[in-house]
PDB file of N, CA and C in Angstrom:
ATOM      1  N   PHE A   1      66.508 163.595-102.912  1.00  0.00           N
ATOM      2  CA  PHE A   1      65.794 163.363-101.040  1.00  0.00           C
ATOM      3  C   PHE A   1      65.948 164.645-100.429  1.00  0.00           C
ATOM      4  N   ALA A   2      64.595 165.270 -99.235  1.00  0.00           N
ATOM      5  CA  ALA A   2      64.792 166.048 -98.269  1.00  0.00           C
ATOM      6  C   ALA A   2      64.795 166.539 -97.065  1.00  0.00           C
ATOM      7  N   ILE A   3      64.779 166.957 -96.728  1.00  0.00           N
ATOM      8  CA  ILE A   3      64.566 166.898 -94.678  1.00  0.00           C
ATOM      9  C   ILE A   3      63.827 168.405 -95.042  1.00  0.00           C
ATOM     10  N   GLY A   4      62.324 168.737 -94.617  1.00  0.00           N
ATOM     11  CA  GLY A   4      61.538 169.470 -94.227  1.00  0.00           C
ATOM     12  C   GLY A   4      61.410 169.773 -92.649  1.00  0.00           C
ATOM     13  N   ILE A   5      61.436 170.476 -92.331  1.00  0.00           N
ATOM     14  CA  ILE A   5      61.598 170.984 -90.662  1.00  0.00           C
ATOM     15  C   ILE A   5      60.691 171.976 -90.373  1.00  0.00           C
ATOM     16  N   GLY A   6      59.893 171.583 -89.773  1.00  0.00           N
ATOM     17  CA  GLY A   6      58.463 172.304 -89.366  1.00  0.00           C
ATOM     18  C   GLY A   6      59.026 173.561 -88.575  1.00  0.00           C
ATOM     19  N   THR A   7      58.886 174.974 -89.043  1.00  0.00           N
ATOM     20  CA  THR A   7      59.077 176.334 -87.421  1.00  0.00           C
ATOM     21  C   THR A   7      58.273 176.071 -87.215  1.00  0.00           C
ATOM     22  N   VAL A   8      58.107 177.434 -86.020  1.00  0.00           N
ATOM     23  CA  VAL A   8      56.957 178.086 -85.240  1.00  0.00           C
ATOM     24  C   VAL A   8      56.104 179.094 -85.828  1.00  0.00           C
ATOM     25  N   GLN A   9      57.318 179.652 -86.678  1.00  0.00           N
ATOM     26  CA  GLN A   9      56.631 181.388 -87.193  1.00  0.00           C
ATOM     27  C   GLN A   9      57.064 180.973 -88.526  1.00  0.00           C
ATOM     28  N   ASP A  10      56.759 181.994 -89.250  1.00  0.00           N
ATOM     29  CA  ASP A  10      56.576 181.824 -90.631  1.00  0.00           C
ATOM     30  C   ASP A  10      57.333 183.143 -91.561  1.00  0.00           C
ATOM     31  N   SER A  11      58.589 183.596 -90.402  1.00  0.00           N
ATOM     32  CA  SER A  11      59.591 184.424 -91.219  1.00  0.00           C
ATOM     33  C   SER A  11      60.957 184.144 -90.928  1.00  0.00           C
ATOM     34  N   GLU A  12      62.151 184.921 -90.832  1.00  0.00           N
ATOM     35  CA  GLU A  12      63.060 183.656 -90.848  1.00  0.00           C
ATOM     36  C   GLU A  12      63.238 183.779 -89.767  1.00  0.00           C
ATOM     37  N   VAL A  13      64.716 182.639 -89.835  1.00  0.00           N
ATOM     38  CA  VAL A  13      64.753 181.586 -87.697  1.00  0.00           C
ATOM     39  C   VAL A  13      66.199 181.579 -88.407  1.00  0.00           C
ATOM     40  N   SER A  14      66.669 181.025 -87.432  1.00  0.00           N
ATOM     41  CA  SER A  14      68.624 180.241 -87.395  1.00  0.00           C
ATOM     42  C   SER A  14      68.217 179.087 -87.378  1.00  0.00           C
ATOM     43  N   VAL A  15      68.832 179.092 -88.322  1.00  0.00           N
ATOM     44  CA  VAL A  15      69.342 177.296 -88.638  1.00  0.00           C
ATOM     45  C   VAL A  15      70.955 177.115 -88.322  1.00  0.00           C
ATOM     46  N   PHE A  16      71.066 175.839 -87.850  1.00  0.00           N
ATOM     47  CA  PHE A  16      72.507 176.342 -87.404  1.00  0.00           C
ATOM     48  C   PHE A  16      72.839 174.236 -88.258  1.00  0.00           C
ATOM     49  N   ILE A  17      73.403 173.879 -89.014  1.00  0.00           N
ATOM     50  CA  ILE A  17      74.221 172.610 -89.853  1.00  0.00           C
ATOM     51  C   ILE A  17      75.441 172.483 -89.065  1.00  0.00           C
ATOM     52  N   GLU A  18      75.718 171.192 -88.428  1.00  0.00           N
ATOM     53  CA  GLU A  18      76.789 170.848 -88.273  1.00  0.00           C
ATOM     54  C   GLU A  18      77.595 169.012 -88.839  1.00  0.00           C
ATOM     55  N   VAL A  19      78.123 168.794 -89.551  1.00  0.00           N
ATOM     56  CA  VAL A  19      78.742 167.629 -90.166  1.00  0.00           C
ATOM     57  C   VAL A  19      79.147 167.064 -89.127  1.00  0.00           C
ATOM     58  N   HIS A  20      79.190 165.667 -89.163  1.00  0.00           N
ATOM     59  CA  HIS A  20      80.256 165.323 -88.280  1.00  0.00           C
ATOM     60  C   HIS A  20      80.977 163.744 -88.627  1.00  0.00           C
ATOM     61  N   ALA A  21      81.846 163.109 -88.542  1.00  0.00           N
ATOM     62  CA  ALA A  21      82.021 162.043 -88.857  1.00  0.00           C
ATOM     63  C   ALA A  21      81.862 160.808 -88.282  1.00  0.00           C
ATOM     64  N   SER A  22      81.082 161.020 -87.255  1.00  0.00           N
ATOM     65  CA  SER A  22      79.739 159.712 -86.214  1.00  0.00           C
ATOM     66  C   SER A  22      79.153 160.643 -85.096  1.00  0.00           C
ATOM     67  N   ARG A  23      77.901 159.884 -84.934  1.00  0.00           N
ATOM     68  CA  ARG A  23      76.996 160.661 -84.213  1.00  0.00           C
ATOM     69  C   ARG A  23      77.670 161.374 -82.967  1.00  0.00           C
ATOM     70  N   PRO A  24      76.415 162.331 -82.983  1.00  0.00           N
ATOM     71  CA  PRO A  24      77.465 163.216 -82.218  1.00  0.00           C
ATOM     72  C   PRO A  24      76.547 163.310 -81.035  1.00  0.00           C
ATOM     73  N   GLN A  25      77.481 163.203 -79.539  1.00  0.00           N
ATOM     74  CA  GLN A  25      76.217 163.017 -77.879  1.00  0.00           C
ATOM     75  C   GLN A  25      75.993 163.591 -78.143  1.00  0.00           C
ATOM     76  N   LEU A  26      74.246 163.998 -77.962  1.00  0.00           N
ATOM     77  CA  LEU A  26      73.835 164.961 -77.364  1.00  0.00           C
ATOM     78  C   LEU A  26      72.770 165.029 -76.402  1.00  0.00           C
ATOM     79  N   ASN A  27      72.708 165.806 -75.243  1.00  0.00           N
ATOM     80  CA  ASN A  27      71.629 165.770 -74.509  1.00  0.00           C
ATOM     81  C   ASN A  27      70.213 166.143 -74.505  1.00  0.00           C
ATOM     82  N   LEU A  28      69.581 165.319 -75.010  1.00  0.00           N
ATOM     83  CA  LEU A  28      68.248 165.317 -74.944  1.00  0.00           C
ATOM     84  C   LEU A  28      67.645 166.035 -74.090  1.00  0.00           C
ATOM     85  N   ASN A  29      67.848 167.067 -72.828  1.00  0.00           N
ATOM     86  CA  ASN A  29      67.524 168.241 -71.822  1.00  0.00           C
ATOM     87  C   ASN A  29      67.320 169.043 -72.162  1.00  0.00           C
ATOM     88  N   GLU A  30      68.342 169.386 -73.463  1.00  0.00           N
ATOM     89  CA  GLU A  30      68.472 170.226 -73.660  1.00  0.00           C
ATOM     90  C   GLU A  30      68.022 171.245 -74.645  1.00  0.00           C
ATOM     91  N   TRP A  31      67.192 170.839 -75.225  1.00  0.00           N
ATOM     92  CA  TRP A  31      66.308 170.533 -76.513  1.00  0.00           C
ATOM     93  C   TRP A  31      65.136 170.255 -76.386  1.00  0.00           C
ATOM     94  N   GLN A  32      64.124 171.063 -77.253  1.00  0.00           N
ATOM     95  CA  GLN A  32      62.419 170.794 -76.824  1.00  0.00           C
ATOM     96  C   GLN A  32      62.415 169.601 -77.492  1.00  0.00           C
ATOM     97  N   GLN A  33      62.639 169.654 -78.197  1.00  0.00           N
ATOM     98  CA  GLN A  33      62.509 168.344 -79.201  1.00  0.00           C
ATOM     99  C   GLN A  33      63.394 168.180 -79.935  1.00  0.00           C
ATOM    100  N   VAL A  34      63.251 166.200 -80.659  1.00  0.00           N
ATOM    101  CA  VAL A  34      64.781 166.438 -81.571  1.00  0.00           C
ATOM    102  C   VAL A  34      63.634 165.054 -82.226  1.00  0.00           C
ATOM    103  N   ASN A  35      63.772 164.740 -83.538  1.00  0.00           N
ATOM    104  CA  ASN A  35      63.984 163.934 -84.157  1.00  0.00           C
ATOM    105  C   ASN A  35      64.894 163.532 -85.411  1.00  0.00           C
ATOM    106  N   ILE A  36      65.092 161.946 -85.190  1.00  0.00           N
ATOM    107  CA  ILE A  36      65.346 161.714 -86.605  1.00  0.00           C
ATOM    108  C   ILE A  36      65.382 161.084 -87.484  1.00  0.00           C
ATOM    109  N   CYS A  37      66.216 161.138 -88.693  1.00  0.00           N
ATOM    110  CA  CYS A  37      65.529 160.750 -90.183  1.00  0.00           C
ATOM    111  C   CYS A  37      67.481 160.268 -91.027  1.00  0.00           C
ATOM    112  N   SER A  38      66.764 160.186 -92.354  1.00  0.00           N
ATOM    113  CA  SER A  38      68.419 159.830 -92.868  1.00  0.00           C
ATOM    114  C   SER A  38      67.746 160.969 -94.296  1.00  0.00           C
ATOM    115  N   LEU A  39      68.927 160.953 -94.864  1.00  0.00           N
ATOM    116  CA  LEU A  39      69.365 161.842 -95.948  1.00  0.00           C
ATOM    117  C   LEU A  39      70.332 161.559 -96.757  1.00  0.00           C
ATOM    118  N   LYS A  40      69.557 161.007 -98.675  1.00  0.00           N
ATOM    119  CA  LYS A  40      70.839 160.028 -99.201  1.00  0.00           C
ATOM    120  C   LYS A  40      70.951 161.637 -99.829  1.00  0.00           C
ATOM    121  N   VAL A  41      72.309 162.299-100.343  1.00  0.00           N
ATOM    122  CA  VAL A  41      73.240 162.918-100.679  1.00  0.00           C
ATOM    123  C   VAL A  41      73.937 162.437-101.501  1.00  0.00           C
ATOM    124  N   GLU A  42      73.293 162.988-102.785  1.00  0.00           N
ATOM    125  CA  GLU A  42      73.639 162.148-104.552  1.00  0.00           C
ATOM    126  C   GLU A  42      74.770 163.421-105.264  1.00  0.00           C
ATOM    127  N   THR A  43      74.786 164.106-104.417  1.00  0.00           N
ATOM    128  CA  THR A  43      75.296 165.840-105.387  1.00  0.00           C
ATOM    129  C   THR A  43      76.420 165.607-105.247  1.00  0.00           C
ATOM    130  N   GLY A  44      76.970 165.692-103.695  1.00  0.00           N
ATOM    131  CA  GLY A  44      78.248 166.202-103.139  1.00  0.00           C
ATOM    132  C   GLY A  44      77.817 167.523-102.802  1.00  0.00           C
ATOM    133  N   SER A  45      76.246 167.935-102.558  1.00  0.00           N
ATOM    134  CA  SER A  45      76.193 169.102-101.862  1.00  0.00           C
ATOM    135  C   SER A  45      74.500 169.385-101.308  1.00  0.00           C
ATOM    136  N   ILE A  46      74.184 169.705-100.151  1.00  0.00           N
ATOM    137  CA  ILE A  46      72.800 169.732 -99.517  1.00  0.00           C
ATOM    138  C   ILE A  46      72.458 171.768 -99.846  1.00  0.00           C
ATOM    139  N   VAL A  47      71.114 171.374-100.243  1.00  0.00           N
ATOM    140  CA  VAL A  47      70.066 172.703-100.186  1.00  0.00           C
ATOM    141  C   VAL A  47      69.930 173.064 -99.104  1.00  0.00           C
ATOM    142  N   VAL A  48      70.340 174.762 -98.939  1.00  0.00           N
ATOM    143  CA  VAL A  48      69.838 174.695 -97.280  1.00  0.00           C
ATOM    144  C   VAL A  48      68.355 176.060 -97.884  1.00  0.00           C
ATOM    145  N   ALA A  49      67.327 175.961 -97.509  1.00  0.00           N
ATOM    146  CA  ALA A  49      66.352 177.031 -98.399  1.00  0.00           C
ATOM    147  C   ALA A  49      65.282 177.047 -97.707  1.00  0.00           C
ATOM    148  N   GLY A  50      64.552 177.903 -97.328  1.00  0.00           N
ATOM    149  CA  GLY A  50      63.164 177.807 -96.628  1.00  0.00           C
ATOM    150  C   GLY A  50      62.395 177.780 -97.883  1.00  0.00           C
ATOM    151  N   CYS A  51      61.134 177.963 -97.462  1.00  0.00           N
ATOM    152  CA  CYS A  51      59.705 177.231 -98.082  1.00  0.00           C
ATOM    153  C   CYS A  51      59.407 178.653 -99.428  1.00  0.00           C
ATOM    154  N   THR A  52      59.902 179.805 -99.004  1.00  0.00           N
ATOM    155  CA  THR A  52      59.851 181.325 -99.633  1.00  0.00           C
ATOM    156  C   THR A  52      61.332 181.332-100.257  1.00  0.00           C
ATOM    157  N   ASP A  53      61.979 180.518-100.263  1.00  0.00           N
ATOM    158  CA  ASP A  53      63.307 181.187-100.633  1.00  0.00           C
ATOM    159  C   ASP A  53      63.054 180.885-102.418  1.00  0.00           C
ATOM    160  N   TYR A  54      64.522 181.504-103.343  1.00  0.00           N
ATOM    161  CA  TYR A  54      64.660 180.847-104.622  1.00  0.00           C
ATOM    162  C   TYR A  54      65.424 179.944-104.765  1.00  0.00           C
ATOM    163  N   PHE A  55      65.186 178.964-104.825  1.00  0.00           N
ATOM    164  CA  PHE A  55      65.727 177.414-105.078  1.00  0.00           C
ATOM    165  C   PHE A  55      67.709 177.450-105.862  1.00  0.00           C
ATOM    166  N   PRO A  56      67.232 178.507-107.041  1.00  0.00           N
ATOM    167  CA  PRO A  56      68.677 178.134-107.809  1.00  0.00           C
ATOM    168  C   PRO A  56      70.074 179.466-106.698  1.00  0.00           C
ATOM    169  N   ASP A  57      69.021 180.279-106.114  1.00  0.00           N
ATOM    170  CA  ASP A  57      69.779 180.707-104.944  1.00  0.00           C
ATOM    171  C   ASP A  57      70.196 180.841-103.940  1.00  0.00           C
ATOM    172  N   ALA A  58      69.750 179.671-103.430  1.00  0.00           N
ATOM    173  CA  ALA A  58      69.925 179.001-102.262  1.00  0.00           C
ATOM    174  C   ALA A  58      71.275 178.902-101.524  1.00  0.00           C
ATOM    175  N   TYR A  59      71.513 178.947-100.765  1.00  0.00           N
ATOM    176  CA  TYR A  59      72.666 178.062 -99.908  1.00  0.00           C
ATOM    177  C   TYR A  59      72.708 177.482-100.102  1.00  0.00           C
ATOM    178  N   ARG A  60      74.811 176.203-100.317  1.00  0.00           N
ATOM    179  CA  ARG A  60      74.987 175.275-100.185  1.00  0.00           C
ATOM    180  C   ARG A  60      75.448 174.849 -99.665  1.00  0.00           C
ATOM    181  N   ILE A  61      75.860 173.821 -99.074  1.00  0.00           N
ATOM    182  CA  ILE A  61      77.083 173.335 -98.177  1.00  0.00           C
ATOM    183  C   ILE A  61      77.448 172.036 -98.786  1.00  0.00           C
ATOM    184  N   ALA A  62      78.862 172.049 -99.665  1.00  0.00           N
ATOM    185  CA  ALA A  62      79.618 170.497-100.116  1.00  0.00           C
ATOM    186  C   ALA A  62      80.160 169.626 -98.686  1.00  0.00           C
ATOM    187  N   ILE A  63      79.766 168.513 -99.420  1.00  0.00           N
ATOM    188  CA  ILE A  63      79.325 167.314 -98.532  1.00  0.00           C
ATOM    189  C   ILE A  63      79.367 166.140 -99.536  1.00  0.00           C
ATOM    190  N   GLU A  64      80.634 165.467 -98.630  1.00  0.00           N
ATOM    191  CA  GLU A  64      80.327 163.957 -99.636  1.00  0.00           C
ATOM    192  C   GLU A  64      79.113 163.025 -99.800  1.00  0.00           C
ATOM    193  N   SER A  65      78.582 162.790-101.166  1.00  0.00           N
ATOM    194  CA  SER A  65      78.141 162.080-101.437  1.00  0.00           C
ATOM    195  C   SER A  65      77.814 160.835-100.607  1.00  0.00           C
ATOM    196  N   GLY A  66      76.893 160.024 -99.825  1.00  0.00           N
ATOM    197  CA  GLY A  66      76.361 159.412 -99.274  1.00  0.00           C
ATOM    198  C   GLY A  66      75.243 158.479 -98.528  1.00  0.00           C
ATOM    199  N   THR A  67      74.631 158.264 -97.403  1.00  0.00           N
ATOM    200  CA  THR A  67      73.677 158.023 -97.102  1.00  0.00           C
ATOM    201  C   THR A  67      73.628 158.744 -95.735  1.00  0.00           C
ATOM    202  N   TYR A  68      73.530 159.788 -95.265  1.00  0.00           N
ATOM    203  CA  TYR A  68      73.275 160.402 -93.628  1.00  0.00           C
ATOM    204  C   TYR A  68      72.225 159.898 -92.784  1.00  0.00           C
ATOM    205  N   GLU A  69      72.692 160.317 -91.471  1.00  0.00           N
ATOM    206  CA  GLU A  69      71.359 159.877 -90.738  1.00  0.00           C
ATOM    207  C   GLU A  69      71.496 162.020 -90.340  1.00  0.00           C
ATOM    208  N   ALA A  70      70.535 162.250 -89.527  1.00  0.00           N
ATOM    209  CA  ALA A  70      70.040 163.206 -89.299  1.00  0.00           C
ATOM    210  C   ALA A  70      69.430 163.678 -88.261  1.00  0.00           C
ATOM    211  N   ILE A  71      69.921 164.786 -87.553  1.00  0.00           N
ATOM    212  CA  ILE A  71      69.224 164.437 -85.534  1.00  0.00           C
ATOM    213  C   ILE A  71      68.829 165.936 -86.152  1.00  0.00           C
ATOM    214  N   ILE A  72      67.213 166.657 -85.976  1.00  0.00           N
ATOM    215  CA  ILE A  72      67.152 167.880 -85.705  1.00  0.00           C
ATOM    216  C   ILE A  72      66.505 168.021 -84.632  1.00  0.00           C
ATOM    217  N   CYS A  73      67.447 169.375 -84.158  1.00  0.00           N
ATOM    218  CA  CYS A  73      67.040 169.604 -82.706  1.00  0.00           C
ATOM    219  C   CYS A  73      66.205 171.081 -83.297  1.00  0.00           C
ATOM    220  N   TYR A  74      65.150 171.150 -82.092  1.00  0.00           N
ATOM    221  CA  TYR A  74      64.567 172.443 -81.764  1.00  0.00           C
ATOM    222  C   TYR A  74      64.325 172.876 -80.165  1.00  0.00           C
ATOM    223  N   ARG A  75      65.052 174.500 -80.096  1.00  0.00           N
ATOM    224  CA  ARG A  75      65.252 175.064 -78.672  1.00  0.00           C
ATOM    225  C   ARG A  75      64.517 175.906 -79.279  1.00  0.00           C
ATOM    226  N   ASN A  76      63.968 176.964 -77.684  1.00  0.00           N
ATOM    227  CA  ASN A  76      62.845 178.356 -77.231  1.00  0.00           C
ATOM    228  C   ASN A  76      62.186 177.993 -78.381  1.00  0.00           C
ATOM    229  N   LEU A  77      60.644 177.396 -78.545  1.00  0.00           N
ATOM    230  CA  LEU A  77      60.218 177.357 -79.432  1.00  0.00           C
ATOM    231  C   LEU A  77      58.939 178.343 -78.573  1.00  0.00           C
ATOM    232  N   ASP A  78      59.309 178.387 -77.032  1.00  0.00           N
ATOM    233  CA  ASP A  78      58.294 179.269 -77.139  1.00  0.00           C
ATOM    234  C   ASP A  78      58.741 180.773 -76.724  1.00  0.00           C
ATOM    235  N   GLN A  79      59.925 181.135 -77.592  1.00  0.00           N
ATOM    236  CA  GLN A  79      60.231 182.044 -77.042  1.00  0.00           C
ATOM    237  C   GLN A  79      59.713 183.201 -78.785  1.00  0.00           C
ATOM    238  N   VAL A  80      58.953 183.390 -78.934  1.00  0.00           N
ATOM    239  CA  VAL A  80      59.048 183.592 -80.425  1.00  0.00           C
ATOM    240  C   VAL A  80      58.219 185.205 -80.503  1.00  0.00           C
ATOM    241  N   SER A  81      58.518 185.771 -81.573  1.00  0.00           N
ATOM    242  CA  SER A  81      58.431 187.262 -81.231  1.00  0.00           C
ATOM    243  C   SER A  81      57.402 187.988 -82.581  1.00  0.00           C
ATOM    244  N   ASP A  82      56.605 188.909 -82.001  1.00  0.00           N
ATOM    245  CA  ASP A  82      56.112 190.124 -83.363  1.00  0.00           C
ATOM    246  C   ASP A  82      57.265 190.951 -83.981  1.00  0.00           C
ATOM    247  N   ILE A  83      58.068 190.874 -83.551  1.00  0.00           N
ATOM    248  CA  ILE A  83      59.172 192.306 -83.374  1.00  0.00           C
ATOM    249  C   ILE A  83      60.914 191.198 -83.734  1.00  0.00           C
ATOM    250  N   PRO A  84      60.904 191.526 -85.623  1.00  0.00           N
ATOM    251  CA  PRO A  84      61.520 191.544 -86.178  1.00  0.00           C
ATOM    252  C   PRO A  84      63.005 191.561 -85.371  1.00  0.00           C
ATOM    253  N   ASP A  85      64.000 189.808 -85.497  1.00  0.00           N
ATOM    254  CA  ASP A  85      64.533 189.536 -84.899  1.00  0.00           C
ATOM    255  C   ASP A  85      64.648 189.642 -83.759  1.00  0.00           C
ATOM    256  N   GLN A  86      63.382 189.411 -82.703  1.00  0.00           N
ATOM    257  CA  GLN A  86      63.230 189.443 -80.834  1.00  0.00           C
ATOM    258  C   GLN A  86      62.702 188.165 -80.689  1.00  0.00           C
ATOM    259  N   SER A  87      62.880 186.989 -82.332  1.00  0.00           N
ATOM    260  CA  SER A  87      62.451 186.049 -81.758  1.00  0.00           C
ATOM    261  C   SER A  87      64.079 184.967 -81.411  1.00  0.00           C
ATOM    262  N   LYS A  88      63.979 184.059 -80.217  1.00  0.00           N
ATOM    263  CA  LYS A  88      64.995 183.399 -79.713  1.00  0.00           C
ATOM    264  C   LYS A  88      64.953 181.738 -80.391  1.00  0.00           C
ATOM    265  N   ASP A  89      63.792 181.620 -80.855  1.00  0.00           N
ATOM    266  CA  ASP A  89      63.577 179.817 -81.505  1.00  0.00           C
ATOM    267  C   ASP A  89      64.696 179.416 -82.580  1.00  0.00           C
ATOM    268  N   SER A  90      65.594 178.513 -82.384  1.00  0.00           N
ATOM    269  CA  SER A  90      65.863 178.022 -83.149  1.00  0.00           C
ATOM    270  C   SER A  90      66.532 176.268 -83.687  1.00  0.00           C
ATOM    271  N   TYR A  91      67.064 176.229 -84.629  1.00  0.00           N
ATOM    272  CA  TYR A  91      67.083 174.862 -85.204  1.00  0.00           C
ATOM    273  C   TYR A  91      67.940 174.440 -85.345  1.00  0.00           C
ATOM    274  N   HIS A  92      68.419 173.447 -85.339  1.00  0.00           N
ATOM    275  CA  HIS A  92      69.979 172.894 -85.724  1.00  0.00           C
ATOM    276  C   HIS A  92      69.764 170.990 -85.997  1.00  0.00           C
ATOM    277  N   LEU A  93      70.630 170.988 -87.149  1.00  0.00           N
ATOM    278  CA  LEU A  93      70.744 169.965 -87.995  1.00  0.00           C
ATOM    279  C   LEU A  93      71.927 169.379 -87.864  1.00  0.00           C
ATOM    280  N   PHE A  94      72.600 167.825 -86.998  1.00  0.00           N
ATOM    281  CA  PHE A  94      73.606 167.506 -87.239  1.00  0.00           C
ATOM    282  C   PHE A  94      73.407 166.572 -87.791  1.00  0.00           C
ATOM    283  N   LEU A  95      74.380 166.018 -89.447  1.00  0.00           N
ATOM    284  CA  LEU A  95      74.818 165.534 -90.261  1.00  0.00           C
ATOM    285  C   LEU A  95      75.951 163.988 -89.678  1.00  0.00           C
ATOM    286  N   TYR A  96      75.543 162.979 -90.000  1.00  0.00           N
ATOM    287  CA  TYR A  96      76.771 161.845 -89.719  1.00  0.00           C
ATOM    288  C   TYR A  96      76.743 160.897 -90.605  1.00  0.00           C
ATOM    289  N   PRO A  97      77.416 160.725 -91.342  1.00  0.00           N
ATOM    290  CA  PRO A  97      77.477 158.633 -92.048  1.00  0.00           C
ATOM    291  C   PRO A  97      76.742 158.275 -91.282  1.00  0.00           C
ATOM    292  N   GLY A  98      76.149 157.405 -92.161  1.00  0.00           N
ATOM    293  CA  GLY A  98      74.664 156.754 -91.174  1.00  0.00           C
ATOM    294  C   GLY A  98      74.306 155.895 -91.994  1.00  0.00           C
ATOM    295  N   PHE A  99      72.960 155.175 -91.996  1.00  0.00           N
ATOM    296  CA  PHE A  99      72.657 154.284 -92.833  1.00  0.00           C
ATOM    297  C   PHE A  99      70.783 154.678 -93.393  1.00  0.00           C
ATOM    298  N   GLU A 100      69.948 154.277 -94.038  1.00  0.00           N
ATOM    299  CA  GLU A 100      68.879 154.500 -94.490  1.00  0.00           C
ATOM    300  C   GLU A 100      67.960 154.584 -93.282  1.00  0.00           C
ATOM    301  N   ARG A 101      67.231 154.793 -93.039  1.00  0.00           N
ATOM    302  CA  ARG A 101      65.895 154.392 -91.522  1.00  0.00           C
ATOM    303  C   ARG A 101      64.755 155.633 -91.355  1.00  0.00           C
ATOM    304  N   PRO A 102      64.012 155.000 -91.029  1.00  0.00           N
ATOM    305  CA  PRO A 102      62.776 155.886 -91.233  1.00  0.00           C
ATOM    306  C   PRO A 102      63.298 156.547 -90.258  1.00  0.00           C
ATOM    307  N   ALA A 103      62.031 157.875 -90.104  1.00  0.00           N
ATOM    308  CA  ALA A 103      62.338 159.395 -89.599  1.00  0.00           C
ATOM    309  C   ALA A 103      61.691 158.426 -87.772  1.00  0.00           C
ATOM    310  N   GLU A 104      61.484 159.519 -87.099  1.00  0.00           N
ATOM    311  CA  GLU A 104      62.016 158.567 -85.219  1.00  0.00           C
ATOM    312  C   GLU A 104      61.377 160.655 -84.506  1.00  0.00           C
ATOM    313  N   VAL A 105      60.438 160.501 -84.248  1.00  0.00           N
ATOM    314  CA  VAL A 105      60.405 161.186 -83.236  1.00  0.00           C
ATOM    315  C   VAL A 105      61.119 161.004 -81.700  1.00  0.00           C
ATOM    316  N   LEU A 106      62.161 161.073 -81.106  1.00  0.00           N
ATOM    317  CA  LEU A 106      62.953 160.892 -80.005  1.00  0.00           C
ATOM    318  C   LEU A 106      62.875 161.801 -78.604  1.00  0.00           C
ATOM    319  N   LYS A 107      62.578 162.584 -79.215  1.00  0.00           N
ATOM    320  CA  LYS A 107      61.789 163.700 -77.910  1.00  0.00           C
ATOM    321  C   LYS A 107      61.026 164.826 -78.277  1.00  0.00           C
ATOM    322  N   SER A 108      59.840 164.814 -77.879  1.00  0.00           N
ATOM    323  CA  SER A 108      58.059 165.505 -78.809  1.00  0.00           C
ATOM    324  C   SER A 108      58.530 166.767 -77.565  1.00  0.00           C
ATOM    325  N   ARG A 109      57.779 167.514 -78.293  1.00  0.00           N
ATOM    326  CA  ARG A 109      57.844 169.744 -77.545  1.00  0.00           C
ATOM    327  C   ARG A 109      55.998 168.749 -76.468  1.00  0.00           C
ATOM    328  N   GLY A 110      55.345 168.317 -77.535  1.00  0.00           N
ATOM    329  CA  GLY A 110      53.549 168.313 -76.834  1.00  0.00           C
ATOM    330  C   GLY A 110      52.866 169.454 -77.325  1.00  0.00           C
ATOM    331  N   CYS A 111      52.073 169.779 -76.765  1.00  0.00           N
ATOM    332  CA  CYS A 111      51.411 170.482 -78.091  1.00  0.00           C
ATOM    333  C   CYS A 111      50.841 171.046 -76.376  1.00  0.00           C
ATOM    334  N   ALA A 112      50.397 172.336 -76.055  1.00  0.00           N
ATOM    335  CA  ALA A 112      50.463 173.593 -75.248  1.00  0.00           C
ATOM    336  C   ALA A 112      48.661 173.577 -75.349  1.00  0.00           C
ATOM    337  N   GLY A 113      47.559 173.666 -74.629  1.00  0.00           N
ATOM    338  CA  GLY A 113      46.601 173.435 -74.738  1.00  0.00           C
ATOM    339  C   GLY A 113      46.262 175.259 -74.375  1.00  0.00           C
TER     340      GLY A 113
END
């Protein structure tokens, strides 16, 4: 089972992961885009990896097995730079015990024309 998070750039980005005992209270106004889905954890850990990372060496987070709901929040998507370490976009994943659910967009960034 996997969650894929699309980023606005193809280089290293800031990713923050928080595991909560229950659904966190989030202010949608603080984020440009917010999605929700579920993640079934069967192995007692999750892997955090980018599309070019070597999977066996990827970062792992210990977490109890079970079904989690995941809220994925995106911030500063319009503050991307070609200069390394100058981009301010960030991606936040909030996990908490929950139920299997379909993916849903809670807040859409929309498209700039």
